[in-house]
Amino acid sequence: VQLQASGGGLVQAGGSLRLSCAASGRTFSRYNMGWFRQAPGKEREFVAVIRWTAGTTNYADSVKGRFTISRDNAKNTVYLQMNSLKPEDTAVYYCAADGDWTISTILQEYEYWGQGTLVTVSS
């Protein structure tokens, strides 16, 4: 699976952005899709995940209620709608694919990664 993330940019605190991750290659609809982020000088961390059937999602506590993950299997794309952005959301955001049956928040369980897209939130 090849993944291409896009949609990052500069936004003021309180604003919104929608990230997209387009997949190609193997059957996208059979992969759980996750979003992770890495702020400068920090470890990469889990943000959100959606199961391959699109019925189950999970979010990091820090983004719960502000971010929404969704997917369109017909378009081979997963989205991350980010609302009420805060300066601490500034990071490079990565999408990733995991072929397991159940969803995971563990970075090491994801097999395929996109190149990342930078989100900068100004105060």
PDB file of N, CA and C in Angstrom:
ATOM      1  N   VAL A   1       0.850  -1.189   0.000  1.00  0.00           N
ATOM      2  CA  VAL A   1       0.000   0.000   0.000  1.00  0.00           C
ATOM      3  C   VAL A   1       0.888   1.241   0.000  1.00  0.00           C
ATOM      4  N   GLN A   2       0.629   2.117  -0.958  1.00  0.00           N
ATOM      5  CA  GLN A   2       1.335   3.409  -0.970  1.00  0.00           C
ATOM      6  C   GLN A   2       0.359   4.472  -0.458  1.00  0.00           C
ATOM      7  N   LEU A   3       0.860   5.313   0.434  1.00  0.00           N
ATOM      8  CA  LEU A   3       0.008   6.317   1.077  1.00  0.00           C
ATOM      9  C   LEU A   3       0.559   7.709   0.811  1.00  0.00           C
ATOM     10  N   GLN A   4      -0.340   8.632   0.511  1.00  0.00           N
ATOM     11  CA  GLN A   4       0.041  10.017   0.221  1.00  0.00           C
ATOM     12  C   GLN A   4      -0.841  10.939   1.051  1.00  0.00           C
ATOM     13  N   ALA A   5      -0.247  11.569   2.058  1.00  0.00           N
ATOM     14  CA  ALA A   5      -0.987  12.495   2.912  1.00  0.00           C
ATOM     15  C   ALA A   5      -0.913  13.911   2.351  1.00  0.00           C
ATOM     16  N   SER A   6      -1.999  14.655   2.547  1.00  0.00           N
ATOM     17  CA  SER A   6      -2.047  16.037   2.088  1.00  0.00           C
ATOM     18  C   SER A   6      -3.017  16.825   2.960  1.00  0.00           C
ATOM     19  N   GLY A   7      -3.023  18.146   2.775  1.00  0.00           N
ATOM     20  CA  GLY A   7      -3.995  18.984   3.460  1.00  0.00           C
ATOM     21  C   GLY A   7      -3.436  19.794   4.610  1.00  0.00           C
ATOM     22  N   GLY A   8      -2.170  19.601   4.935  1.00  0.00           N
ATOM     23  CA  GLY A   8      -1.578  20.372   6.016  1.00  0.00           C
ATOM     24  C   GLY A   8      -1.409  21.833   5.623  1.00  0.00           C
ATOM     25  N   GLY A   9      -1.075  22.647   6.608  1.00  0.00           N
ATOM     26  CA  GLY A   9      -0.872  24.063   6.348  1.00  0.00           C
ATOM     27  C   GLY A   9      -0.793  24.849   7.631  1.00  0.00           C
ATOM     28  N   LEU A  10      -0.859  26.161   7.479  1.00  0.00           N
ATOM     29  CA  LEU A  10      -0.804  27.077   8.615  1.00  0.00           C
ATOM     30  C   LEU A  10      -2.214  27.560   8.924  1.00  0.00           C
ATOM     31  N   VAL A  11      -2.606  27.470  10.180  1.00  0.00           N
ATOM     32  CA  VAL A  11      -3.940  27.890  10.593  1.00  0.00           C
ATOM     33  C   VAL A  11      -3.846  28.537  11.964  1.00  0.00           C
ATOM     34  N   GLN A  12      -4.742  29.469  12.225  1.00  0.00           N
ATOM     35  CA  GLN A  12      -4.780  30.103  13.543  1.00  0.00           C
ATOM     36  C   GLN A  12      -5.469  29.202  14.552  1.00  0.00           C
ATOM     37  N   ALA A  13      -5.121  29.384  15.801  1.00  0.00           N
ATOM     38  CA  ALA A  13      -5.772  28.638  16.871  1.00  0.00           C
ATOM     39  C   ALA A  13      -7.283  28.825  16.789  1.00  0.00           C
ATOM     40  N   GLY A  14      -8.008  27.730  16.981  1.00  0.00           N
ATOM     41  CA  GLY A  14      -9.458  27.749  16.851  1.00  0.00           C
ATOM     42  C   GLY A  14      -9.953  27.418  15.466  1.00  0.00           C
ATOM     43  N   GLY A  15      -9.050  27.377  14.517  1.00  0.00           N
ATOM     44  CA  GLY A  15      -9.423  27.084  13.138  1.00  0.00           C
ATOM     45  C   GLY A  15      -9.531  25.599  12.863  1.00  0.00           C
ATOM     46  N   SER A  16      -9.755  25.279  11.582  1.00  0.00           N
ATOM     47  CA  SER A  16      -9.966  23.895  11.159  1.00  0.00           C
ATOM     48  C   SER A  16      -9.110  23.567   9.945  1.00  0.00           C
ATOM     49  N   LEU A  17      -8.796  22.301   9.833  1.00  0.00           N
ATOM     50  CA  LEU A  17      -8.132  21.757   8.646  1.00  0.00           C
ATOM     51  C   LEU A  17      -8.667  20.355   8.421  1.00  0.00           C
ATOM     52  N   ARG A  18      -8.654  19.917   7.171  1.00  0.00           N
ATOM     53  CA  ARG A  18      -8.977  18.530   6.863  1.00  0.00           C
ATOM     54  C   ARG A  18      -7.808  17.897   6.135  1.00  0.00           C
ATOM     55  N   LEU A  19      -7.264  16.867   6.735  1.00  0.00           N
ATOM     56  CA  LEU A  19      -6.196  16.113   6.106  1.00  0.00           C
ATOM     57  C   LEU A  19      -6.790  14.966   5.306  1.00  0.00           C
ATOM     58  N   SER A  20      -6.121  14.634   4.220  1.00  0.00           N
ATOM     59  CA  SER A  20      -6.518  13.500   3.396  1.00  0.00           C
ATOM     60  C   SER A  20      -5.332  12.565   3.234  1.00  0.00           C
ATOM     61  N   CYS A  21      -5.628  11.304   3.062  1.00  0.00           N
ATOM     62  CA  CYS A  21      -4.591  10.306   2.803  1.00  0.00           C
ATOM     63  C   CYS A  21      -5.116   9.388   1.705  1.00  0.00           C
ATOM     64  N   ALA A  22      -4.504   9.494   0.541  1.00  0.00           N
ATOM     65  CA  ALA A  22      -4.905   8.681  -0.600  1.00  0.00           C
ATOM     66  C   ALA A  22      -4.038   7.432  -0.653  1.00  0.00           C
ATOM     67  N   ALA A  23      -4.686   6.294  -0.862  1.00  0.00           N
ATOM     68  CA  ALA A  23      -3.980   5.019  -0.882  1.00  0.00           C
ATOM     69  C   ALA A  23      -4.030   4.405  -2.266  1.00  0.00           C
ATOM     70  N   SER A  24      -2.988   3.693  -2.606  1.00  0.00           N
ATOM     71  CA  SER A  24      -2.960   2.949  -3.854  1.00  0.00           C
ATOM     72  C   SER A  24      -2.235   1.635  -3.585  1.00  0.00           C
ATOM     73  N   GLY A  25      -2.400   0.687  -4.498  1.00  0.00           N
ATOM     74  CA  GLY A  25      -1.746  -0.594  -4.319  1.00  0.00           C
ATOM     75  C   GLY A  25      -2.732  -1.661  -3.889  1.00  0.00           C
ATOM     76  N   ARG A  26      -2.457  -2.298  -2.754  1.00  0.00           N
ATOM     77  CA  ARG A  26      -3.300  -3.389  -2.277  1.00  0.00           C
ATOM     78  C   ARG A  26      -4.677  -2.894  -1.876  1.00  0.00           C
ATOM     79  N   THR A  27      -5.546  -3.784  -1.541  1.00  0.00           N
ATOM     80  CA  THR A  27      -6.939  -3.465  -1.262  1.00  0.00           C
ATOM     81  C   THR A  27      -7.046  -2.569  -0.030  1.00  0.00           C
ATOM     82  N   PHE A  28      -7.298  -1.298  -0.276  1.00  0.00           N
ATOM     83  CA  PHE A  28      -7.378  -0.310   0.795  1.00  0.00           C
ATOM     84  C   PHE A  28      -8.453  -0.667   1.803  1.00  0.00           C
ATOM     85  N   SER A  29      -9.583  -1.174   1.307  1.00  0.00           N
ATOM     86  CA  SER A  29     -10.733  -1.402   2.176  1.00  0.00           C
ATOM     87  C   SER A  29     -10.487  -2.476   3.221  1.00  0.00           C
ATOM     88  N   ARG A  30      -9.401  -3.244   3.097  1.00  0.00           N
ATOM     89  CA  ARG A  30      -9.123  -4.290   4.077  1.00  0.00           C
ATOM     90  C   ARG A  30      -8.129  -3.849   5.149  1.00  0.00           C
ATOM     91  N   TYR A  31      -7.749  -2.572   5.152  1.00  0.00           N
ATOM     92  CA  TYR A  31      -6.775  -2.067   6.105  1.00  0.00           C
ATOM     93  C   TYR A  31      -7.417  -1.086   7.081  1.00  0.00           C
ATOM     94  N   ASN A  32      -7.083  -1.266   8.357  1.00  0.00           N
ATOM     95  CA  ASN A  32      -7.378  -0.231   9.328  1.00  0.00           C
ATOM     96  C   ASN A  32      -6.438   0.946   9.039  1.00  0.00           C
ATOM     97  N   MET A  33      -6.965   2.154   9.145  1.00  0.00           N
ATOM     98  CA  MET A  33      -6.170   3.330   8.826  1.00  0.00           C
ATOM     99  C   MET A  33      -6.024   4.224  10.045  1.00  0.00           C
ATOM    100  N   GLY A  34      -4.805   4.637  10.289  1.00  0.00           N
ATOM    101  CA  GLY A  34      -4.544   5.477  11.449  1.00  0.00           C
ATOM    102  C   GLY A  34      -3.860   6.777  11.065  1.00  0.00           C
ATOM    103  N   TRP A  35      -4.002   7.739  11.947  1.00  0.00           N
ATOM    104  CA  TRP A  35      -3.260   9.002  11.860  1.00  0.00           C
ATOM    105  C   TRP A  35      -2.383   9.108  13.111  1.00  0.00           C
ATOM    106  N   PHE A  36      -1.148   9.481  12.880  1.00  0.00           N
ATOM    107  CA  PHE A  36      -0.192   9.731  13.953  1.00  0.00           C
ATOM    108  C   PHE A  36       0.387  11.121  13.727  1.00  0.00           C
ATOM    109  N   ARG A  37       1.049  11.667  14.735  1.00  0.00           N
ATOM    110  CA  ARG A  37       1.693  12.956  14.574  1.00  0.00           C
ATOM    111  C   ARG A  37       3.001  13.001  15.355  1.00  0.00           C
ATOM    112  N   GLN A  38       3.883  13.851  14.881  1.00  0.00           N
ATOM    113  CA  GLN A  38       5.168  14.004  15.534  1.00  0.00           C
ATOM    114  C   GLN A  38       5.520  15.484  15.600  1.00  0.00           C
ATOM    115  N   ALA A  39       5.541  15.996  16.812  1.00  0.00           N
ATOM    116  CA  ALA A  39       5.919  17.384  17.041  1.00  0.00           C
ATOM    117  C   ALA A  39       7.442  17.480  17.127  1.00  0.00           C
ATOM    118  N   PRO A  40       8.002  18.659  16.884  1.00  0.00           N
ATOM    119  CA  PRO A  40       9.465  18.811  16.948  1.00  0.00           C
ATOM    120  C   PRO A  40      10.009  18.374  18.298  1.00  0.00           C
ATOM    121  N   GLY A  41      11.016  17.495  18.254  1.00  0.00           N
ATOM    122  CA  GLY A  41      11.661  17.035  19.464  1.00  0.00           C
ATOM    123  C   GLY A  41      10.892  16.024  20.273  1.00  0.00           C
ATOM    124  N   LYS A  42       9.781  15.532  19.715  1.00  0.00           N
ATOM    125  CA  LYS A  42       8.954  14.571  20.452  1.00  0.00           C
ATOM    126  C   LYS A  42       8.816  13.268  19.686  1.00  0.00           C
ATOM    127  N   GLU A  43       8.345  12.248  20.398  1.00  0.00           N
ATOM    128  CA  GLU A  43       8.077  10.955  19.775  1.00  0.00           C
ATOM    129  C   GLU A  43       6.820  11.042  18.913  1.00  0.00           C
ATOM    130  N   ARG A  44       6.753  10.183  17.921  1.00  0.00           N
ATOM    131  CA  ARG A  44       5.535  10.084  17.131  1.00  0.00           C
ATOM    132  C   ARG A  44       4.439   9.480  18.014  1.00  0.00           C
ATOM    133  N   GLU A  45       3.249  10.056  17.939  1.00  0.00           N
ATOM    134  CA  GLU A  45       2.162   9.602  18.806  1.00  0.00           C
ATOM    135  C   GLU A  45       0.886   9.341  18.022  1.00  0.00           C
ATOM    136  N   PHE A  46       0.085   8.469  18.596  1.00  0.00           N
ATOM    137  CA  PHE A  46      -1.195   8.099  18.007  1.00  0.00           C
ATOM    138  C   PHE A  46      -2.171   9.270  18.082  1.00  0.00           C
ATOM    139  N   VAL A  47      -2.966   9.434  17.021  1.00  0.00           N
ATOM    140  CA  VAL A  47      -4.011  10.462  16.994  1.00  0.00           C
ATOM    141  C   VAL A  47      -5.394   9.827  16.864  1.00  0.00           C
ATOM    142  N   ALA A  48      -5.581   9.004  15.810  1.00  0.00           N
ATOM    143  CA  ALA A  48      -6.900   8.424  15.561  1.00  0.00           C
ATOM    144  C   ALA A  48      -6.751   7.209  14.667  1.00  0.00           C
ATOM    145  N   VAL A  49      -7.735   6.323  14.729  1.00  0.00           N
ATOM    146  CA  VAL A  49      -7.747   5.142  13.881  1.00  0.00           C
ATOM    147  C   VAL A  49      -9.185   4.807  13.517  1.00  0.00           C
ATOM    148  N   ILE A  50      -9.356   4.241  12.331  1.00  0.00           N
ATOM    149  CA  ILE A  50     -10.667   3.775  11.884  1.00  0.00           C
ATOM    150  C   ILE A  50     -10.504   2.376  11.317  1.00  0.00           C
ATOM    151  N   ARG A  51     -11.440   1.499  11.700  1.00  0.00           N
ATOM    152  CA  ARG A  51     -11.358   0.104  11.262  1.00  0.00           C
ATOM    153  C   ARG A  51     -11.689   0.005   9.790  1.00  0.00           C
ATOM    154  N   TRP A  52     -11.254  -1.110   9.188  1.00  0.00           N
ATOM    155  CA  TRP A  52     -11.436  -1.283   7.751  1.00  0.00           C
ATOM    156  C   TRP A  52     -12.900  -1.314   7.358  1.00  0.00           C
ATOM    157  N   THR A  53     -13.781  -1.729   8.266  1.00  0.00           N
ATOM    158  CA  THR A  53     -15.207  -1.703   7.980  1.00  0.00           C
ATOM    159  C   THR A  53     -15.822  -0.346   8.234  1.00  0.00           C
ATOM    160  N   ALA A  54     -15.000   0.594   8.733  1.00  0.00           N
ATOM    161  CA  ALA A  54     -15.418   1.970   9.017  1.00  0.00           C
ATOM    162  C   ALA A  54     -16.434   2.061  10.144  1.00  0.00           C
ATOM    163  N   GLY A  55     -16.621   0.976  10.919  1.00  0.00           N
ATOM    164  CA  GLY A  55     -17.607   1.029  11.985  1.00  0.00           C
ATOM    165  C   GLY A  55     -17.030   1.369  13.346  1.00  0.00           C
ATOM    166  N   THR A  56     -15.712   1.260  13.496  1.00  0.00           N
ATOM    167  CA  THR A  56     -15.097   1.461  14.800  1.00  0.00           C
ATOM    168  C   THR A  56     -13.985   2.489  14.685  1.00  0.00           C
ATOM    169  N   THR A  57     -13.972   3.430  15.614  1.00  0.00           N
ATOM    170  CA  THR A  57     -12.915   4.436  15.650  1.00  0.00           C
ATOM    171  C   THR A  57     -12.361   4.553  17.061  1.00  0.00           C
ATOM    172  N   ASN A  58     -11.196   5.130  17.170  1.00  0.00           N
ATOM    173  CA  ASN A  58     -10.596   5.407  18.470  1.00  0.00           C
ATOM    174  C   ASN A  58      -9.753   6.666  18.330  1.00  0.00           C
ATOM    175  N   TYR A  59      -9.711   7.458  19.397  1.00  0.00           N
ATOM    176  CA  TYR A  59      -9.006   8.724  19.370  1.00  0.00           C
ATOM    177  C   TYR A  59      -8.114   8.882  20.599  1.00  0.00           C
ATOM    178  N   ALA A  60      -7.035   9.591  20.413  1.00  0.00           N
ATOM    179  CA  ALA A  60      -6.236  10.003  21.568  1.00  0.00           C
ATOM    180  C   ALA A  60      -7.061  10.968  22.411  1.00  0.00           C
ATOM    181  N   ASP A  61      -6.874  10.921  23.706  1.00  0.00           N
ATOM    182  CA  ASP A  61      -7.632  11.796  24.599  1.00  0.00           C
ATOM    183  C   ASP A  61      -7.433  13.267  24.244  1.00  0.00           C
ATOM    184  N   SER A  62      -6.254  13.598  23.768  1.00  0.00           N
ATOM    185  CA  SER A  62      -5.926  15.001  23.486  1.00  0.00           C
ATOM    186  C   SER A  62      -6.710  15.574  22.311  1.00  0.00           C
ATOM    187  N   VAL A  63      -7.293  14.717  21.464  1.00  0.00           N
ATOM    188  CA  VAL A  63      -8.016  15.212  20.291  1.00  0.00           C
ATOM    189  C   VAL A  63      -9.492  14.831  20.315  1.00  0.00           C
ATOM    190  N   LYS A  64      -9.894  14.043  21.299  1.00  0.00           N
ATOM    191  CA  LYS A  64     -11.278  13.570  21.370  1.00  0.00           C
ATOM    192  C   LYS A  64     -12.226  14.764  21.431  1.00  0.00           C
ATOM    193  N   GLY A  65     -13.266  14.713  20.601  1.00  0.00           N
ATOM    194  CA  GLY A  65     -14.234  15.800  20.569  1.00  0.00           C
ATOM    195  C   GLY A  65     -13.868  16.918  19.619  1.00  0.00           C
ATOM    196  N   ARG A  66     -12.636  16.926  19.139  1.00  0.00           N
ATOM    197  CA  ARG A  66     -12.190  17.983  18.194  1.00  0.00           C
ATOM    198  C   ARG A  66     -11.860  17.416  16.824  1.00  0.00           C
ATOM    199  N   PHE A  67     -11.328  16.208  16.785  1.00  0.00           N
ATOM    200  CA  PHE A  67     -10.927  15.570  15.521  1.00  0.00           C
ATOM    201  C   PHE A  67     -11.900  14.456  15.173  1.00  0.00           C
ATOM    202  N   THR A  68     -12.103  14.247  13.872  1.00  0.00           N
ATOM    203  CA  THR A  68     -12.941  13.159  13.401  1.00  0.00           C
ATOM    204  C   THR A  68     -12.243  12.444  12.254  1.00  0.00           C
ATOM    205  N   ILE A  69     -12.110  11.139  12.386  1.00  0.00           N
ATOM    206  CA  ILE A  69     -11.530  10.337  11.318  1.00  0.00           C
ATOM    207  C   ILE A  69     -12.658   9.686  10.533  1.00  0.00           C
ATOM    208  N   SER A  70     -12.487   9.620   9.225  1.00  0.00           N
ATOM    209  CA  SER A  70     -13.478   8.969   8.370  1.00  0.00           C
ATOM    210  C   SER A  70     -12.751   8.386   7.167  1.00  0.00           C
ATOM    211  N   ARG A  71     -13.467   7.565   6.431  1.00  0.00           N
ATOM    212  CA  ARG A  71     -12.857   6.972   5.245  1.00  0.00           C
ATOM    213  C   ARG A  71     -13.901   6.803   4.156  1.00  0.00           C
ATOM    214  N   ASP A  72     -13.432   6.822   2.930  1.00  0.00           N
ATOM    215  CA  ASP A  72     -14.260   6.561   1.762  1.00  0.00           C
ATOM    216  C   ASP A  72     -13.553   5.462   0.988  1.00  0.00           C
ATOM    217  N   ASN A  73     -14.021   4.236   1.168  1.00  0.00           N
ATOM    218  CA  ASN A  73     -13.344   3.109   0.521  1.00  0.00           C
ATOM    219  C   ASN A  73     -13.472   3.153  -0.996  1.00  0.00           C
ATOM    220  N   ALA A  74     -14.511   3.782  -1.494  1.00  0.00           N
ATOM    221  CA  ALA A  74     -14.675   3.899  -2.953  1.00  0.00           C
ATOM    222  C   ALA A  74     -13.604   4.813  -3.547  1.00  0.00           C
ATOM    223  N   LYS A  75     -13.119   5.756  -2.734  1.00  0.00           N
ATOM    224  CA  LYS A  75     -12.088   6.687  -3.197  1.00  0.00           C
ATOM    225  C   LYS A  75     -10.709   6.337  -2.663  1.00  0.00           C
ATOM    226  N   ASN A  76     -10.620   5.237  -1.910  1.00  0.00           N
ATOM    227  CA  ASN A  76      -9.338   4.825  -1.315  1.00  0.00           C
ATOM    228  C   ASN A  76      -8.700   5.952  -0.515  1.00  0.00           C
ATOM    229  N   THR A  77      -9.515   6.622   0.266  1.00  0.00           N
ATOM    230  CA  THR A  77      -9.036   7.795   0.992  1.00  0.00           C
ATOM    231  C   THR A  77      -9.532   7.788   2.429  1.00  0.00           C
ATOM    232  N   VAL A  78      -8.663   8.200   3.331  1.00  0.00           N
ATOM    233  CA  VAL A  78      -9.039   8.405   4.724  1.00  0.00           C
ATOM    234  C   VAL A  78      -8.821   9.884   5.048  1.00  0.00           C
ATOM    235  N   TYR A  79      -9.687  10.411   5.906  1.00  0.00           N
ATOM    236  CA  TYR A  79      -9.668  11.836   6.225  1.00  0.00           C
ATOM    237  C   TYR A  79      -9.481  12.042   7.731  1.00  0.00           C
ATOM    238  N   LEU A  80      -8.951  13.180   8.067  1.00  0.00           N
ATOM    239  CA  LEU A  80      -8.906  13.605   9.457  1.00  0.00           C
ATOM    240  C   LEU A  80      -9.386  15.057   9.503  1.00  0.00           C
ATOM    241  N   GLN A  81     -10.606  15.239   9.983  1.00  0.00           N
ATOM    242  CA  GLN A  81     -11.158  16.581  10.148  1.00  0.00           C
ATOM    243  C   GLN A  81     -10.712  17.101  11.508  1.00  0.00           C
ATOM    244  N   MET A  82     -10.020  18.212  11.504  1.00  0.00           N
ATOM    245  CA  MET A  82      -9.473  18.772  12.740  1.00  0.00           C
ATOM    246  C   MET A  82     -10.111  20.129  13.000  1.00  0.00           C
ATOM    247  N   ASN A  83     -10.847  20.218  14.085  1.00  0.00           N
ATOM    248  CA  ASN A  83     -11.517  21.453  14.469  1.00  0.00           C
ATOM    249  C   ASN A  83     -10.947  21.968  15.786  1.00  0.00           C
ATOM    250  N   SER A  84     -11.228  23.230  16.077  1.00  0.00           N
ATOM    251  CA  SER A  84     -10.777  23.839  17.339  1.00  0.00           C
ATOM    252  C   SER A  84      -9.293  23.583  17.576  1.00  0.00           C
ATOM    253  N   LEU A  85      -8.514  23.827  16.548  1.00  0.00           N
ATOM    254  CA  LEU A  85      -7.084  23.519  16.624  1.00  0.00           C
ATOM    255  C   LEU A  85      -6.385  24.380  17.662  1.00  0.00           C
ATOM    256  N   LYS A  86      -5.384  23.780  18.286  1.00  0.00           N
ATOM    257  CA  LYS A  86      -4.597  24.434  19.329  1.00  0.00           C
ATOM    258  C   LYS A  86      -3.129  24.454  18.905  1.00  0.00           C
ATOM    259  N   PRO A  87      -2.345  25.378  19.428  1.00  0.00           N
ATOM    260  CA  PRO A  87      -0.914  25.396  19.074  1.00  0.00           C
ATOM    261  C   PRO A  87      -0.221  24.070  19.362  1.00  0.00           C
ATOM    262  N   GLU A  88      -0.679  23.359  20.380  1.00  0.00           N
ATOM    263  CA  GLU A  88      -0.060  22.065  20.701  1.00  0.00           C
ATOM    264  C   GLU A  88      -0.397  20.970  19.698  1.00  0.00           C
ATOM    265  N   ASP A  89      -1.279  21.265  18.749  1.00  0.00           N
ATOM    266  CA  ASP A  89      -1.550  20.312  17.663  1.00  0.00           C
ATOM    267  C   ASP A  89      -0.522  20.432  16.543  1.00  0.00           C
ATOM    268  N   THR A  90       0.362  21.407  16.633  1.00  0.00           N
ATOM    269  CA  THR A  90       1.396  21.584  15.615  1.00  0.00           C
ATOM    270  C   THR A  90       2.294  20.358  15.552  1.00  0.00           C
ATOM    271  N   ALA A  91       2.404  19.783  14.355  1.00  0.00           N
ATOM    272  CA  ALA A  91       3.177  18.548  14.178  1.00  0.00           C
ATOM    273  C   ALA A  91       3.150  18.164  12.703  1.00  0.00           C
ATOM    274  N   VAL A  92       3.983  17.208  12.379  1.00  0.00           N
ATOM    275  CA  VAL A  92       3.851  16.521  11.093  1.00  0.00           C
ATOM    276  C   VAL A  92       2.891  15.359  11.313  1.00  0.00           C
ATOM    277  N   TYR A  93       1.866  15.293  10.478  1.00  0.00           N
ATOM    278  CA  TYR A  93       0.841  14.263  10.596  1.00  0.00           C
ATOM    279  C   TYR A  93       1.078  13.186   9.554  1.00  0.00           C
ATOM    280  N   TYR A  94       1.041  11.938  10.010  1.00  0.00           N
ATOM    281  CA  TYR A  94       1.280  10.796   9.154  1.00  0.00           C
ATOM    282  C   TYR A  94       0.048   9.893   9.119  1.00  0.00           C
ATOM    283  N   CYS A  95      -0.270   9.374   7.945  1.00  0.00           N
ATOM    284  CA  CYS A  95      -1.271   8.325   7.884  1.00  0.00           C
ATOM    285  C   CYS A  95      -0.547   6.987   7.765  1.00  0.00           C
ATOM    286  N   ALA A  96      -1.218   5.943   8.229  1.00  0.00           N
ATOM    287  CA  ALA A  96      -0.603   4.621   8.257  1.00  0.00           C
ATOM    288  C   ALA A  96      -1.672   3.557   8.089  1.00  0.00           C
ATOM    289  N   ALA A  97      -1.263   2.404   7.578  1.00  0.00           N
ATOM    290  CA  ALA A  97      -2.182   1.297   7.315  1.00  0.00           C
ATOM    291  C   ALA A  97      -1.764   0.060   8.105  1.00  0.00           C
ATOM    292  N   ASP A  98      -2.756  -0.592   8.669  1.00  0.00           N
ATOM    293  CA  ASP A  98      -2.547  -1.782   9.502  1.00  0.00           C
ATOM    294  C   ASP A  98      -3.494  -2.872   9.030  1.00  0.00           C
ATOM    295  N   GLY A  99      -2.962  -4.040   8.660  1.00  0.00           N
ATOM    296  CA  GLY A  99      -3.774  -5.115   8.113  1.00  0.00           C
ATOM    297  C   GLY A  99      -4.371  -6.058   9.143  1.00  0.00           C
ATOM    298  N   ASP A 100      -4.258  -5.751  10.432  1.00  0.00           N
ATOM    299  CA  ASP A 100      -4.797  -6.634  11.466  1.00  0.00           C
ATOM    300  C   ASP A 100      -6.322  -6.591  11.521  1.00  0.00           C
ATOM    301  N   TRP A 101      -6.907  -7.561  12.204  1.00  0.00           N
ATOM    302  CA  TRP A 101      -8.363  -7.642  12.322  1.00  0.00           C
ATOM    303  C   TRP A 101      -8.906  -6.537  13.219  1.00  0.00           C
ATOM    304  N   THR A 102      -8.190  -6.221  14.298  1.00  0.00           N
ATOM    305  CA  THR A 102      -8.666  -5.207  15.243  1.00  0.00           C
ATOM    306  C   THR A 102      -7.823  -3.938  15.122  1.00  0.00           C
ATOM    307  N   ILE A 103      -8.400  -2.823  15.553  1.00  0.00           N
ATOM    308  CA  ILE A 103      -7.678  -1.560  15.457  1.00  0.00           C
ATOM    309  C   ILE A 103      -6.619  -1.460  16.548  1.00  0.00           C
ATOM    310  N   SER A 104      -5.621  -0.650  16.283  1.00  0.00           N
ATOM    311  CA  SER A 104      -4.505  -0.511  17.215  1.00  0.00           C
ATOM    312  C   SER A 104      -4.099   0.952  17.333  1.00  0.00           C
ATOM    313  N   THR A 105      -3.599   1.307  18.510  1.00  0.00           N
ATOM    314  CA  THR A 105      -3.035   2.634  18.727  1.00  0.00           C
ATOM    315  C   THR A 105      -1.507   2.576  18.760  1.00  0.00           C
ATOM    316  N   ILE A 106      -0.961   1.389  18.518  1.00  0.00           N
ATOM    317  CA  ILE A 106       0.479   1.155  18.648  1.00  0.00           C
ATOM    318  C   ILE A 106       1.169   1.394  17.320  1.00  0.00           C
ATOM    319  N   LEU A 107       2.080   2.309  17.302  1.00  0.00           N
ATOM    320  CA  LEU A 107       2.797   2.711  16.099  1.00  0.00           C
ATOM    321  C   LEU A 107       3.451   1.530  15.382  1.00  0.00           C
ATOM    322  N   GLN A 108       4.049   0.633  16.174  1.00  0.00           N
ATOM    323  CA  GLN A 108       4.834  -0.466  15.577  1.00  0.00           C
ATOM    324  C   GLN A 108       3.970  -1.491  14.859  1.00  0.00           C
ATOM    325  N   GLU A 109       2.671  -1.454  15.074  1.00  0.00           N
ATOM    326  CA  GLU A 109       1.783  -2.439  14.444  1.00  0.00           C
ATOM    327  C   GLU A 109       1.331  -2.002  13.053  1.00  0.00           C
ATOM    328  N   TYR A 110       1.704  -0.821  12.641  1.00  0.00           N
ATOM    329  CA  TYR A 110       1.313  -0.318  11.328  1.00  0.00           C
ATOM    330  C   TYR A 110       2.397  -0.653  10.306  1.00  0.00           C
ATOM    331  N   GLU A 111       1.952  -1.201   9.196  1.00  0.00           N
ATOM    332  CA  GLU A 111       2.886  -1.749   8.209  1.00  0.00           C
ATOM    333  C   GLU A 111       3.311  -0.730   7.153  1.00  0.00           C
ATOM    334  N   TYR A 112       2.410   0.181   6.813  1.00  0.00           N
ATOM    335  CA  TYR A 112       2.671   1.116   5.730  1.00  0.00           C
ATOM    336  C   TYR A 112       2.456   2.536   6.232  1.00  0.00           C
ATOM    337  N   TRP A 113       3.318   3.442   5.757  1.00  0.00           N
ATOM    338  CA  TRP A 113       3.278   4.836   6.212  1.00  0.00           C
ATOM    339  C   TRP A 113       3.335   5.792   5.030  1.00  0.00           C
ATOM    340  N   GLY A 114       2.610   6.892   5.169  1.00  0.00           N
ATOM    341  CA  GLY A 114       2.726   7.971   4.206  1.00  0.00           C
ATOM    342  C   GLY A 114       3.887   8.881   4.582  1.00  0.00           C
ATOM    343  N   GLN A 115       4.100   9.901   3.792  1.00  0.00           N
ATOM    344  CA  GLN A 115       5.279  10.749   3.954  1.00  0.00           C
ATOM    345  C   GLN A 115       5.086  11.872   4.968  1.00  0.00           C
ATOM    346  N   GLY A 116       3.862  12.129   5.401  1.00  0.00           N
ATOM    347  CA  GLY A 116       3.625  13.176   6.386  1.00  0.00           C
ATOM    348  C   GLY A 116       3.245  14.506   5.768  1.00  0.00           C
ATOM    349  N   THR A 117       2.419  15.247   6.487  1.00  0.00           N
ATOM    350  CA  THR A 117       2.032  16.584   6.075  1.00  0.00           C
ATOM    351  C   THR A 117       2.079  17.485   7.311  1.00  0.00           C
ATOM    352  N   LEU A 118       2.646  18.679   7.142  1.00  0.00           N
ATOM    353  CA  LEU A 118       2.900  19.557   8.282  1.00  0.00           C
ATOM    354  C   LEU A 118       1.681  20.411   8.597  1.00  0.00           C
ATOM    355  N   VAL A 119       1.294  20.395   9.855  1.00  0.00           N
ATOM    356  CA  VAL A 119       0.229  21.255  10.367  1.00  0.00           C
ATOM    357  C   VAL A 119       0.853  22.205  11.386  1.00  0.00           C
ATOM    358  N   THR A 120       0.662  23.500  11.150  1.00  0.00           N
ATOM    359  CA  THR A 120       1.178  24.515  12.064  1.00  0.00           C
ATOM    360  C   THR A 120       0.021  25.358  12.557  1.00  0.00           C
ATOM    361  N   VAL A 121      -0.143  25.412  13.871  1.00  0.00           N
ATOM    362  CA  VAL A 121      -1.233  26.184  14.467  1.00  0.00           C
ATOM    363  C   VAL A 121      -0.618  27.347  15.223  1.00  0.00           C
ATOM    364  N   SER A 122      -0.956  28.548  14.786  1.00  0.00           N
ATOM    365  CA  SER A 122      -0.404  29.744  15.429  1.00  0.00           C
ATOM    366  C   SER A 122      -1.339  30.243  16.525  1.00  0.00           C
ATOM    367  N   SER A 123      -0.751  30.822  17.550  1.00  0.00           N
ATOM    368  CA  SER A 123      -1.549  31.304  18.686  1.00  0.00           C
ATOM    369  C   SER A 123      -1.997  32.749  18.480  1.00  0.00           C
TER     370      SER A 123
END
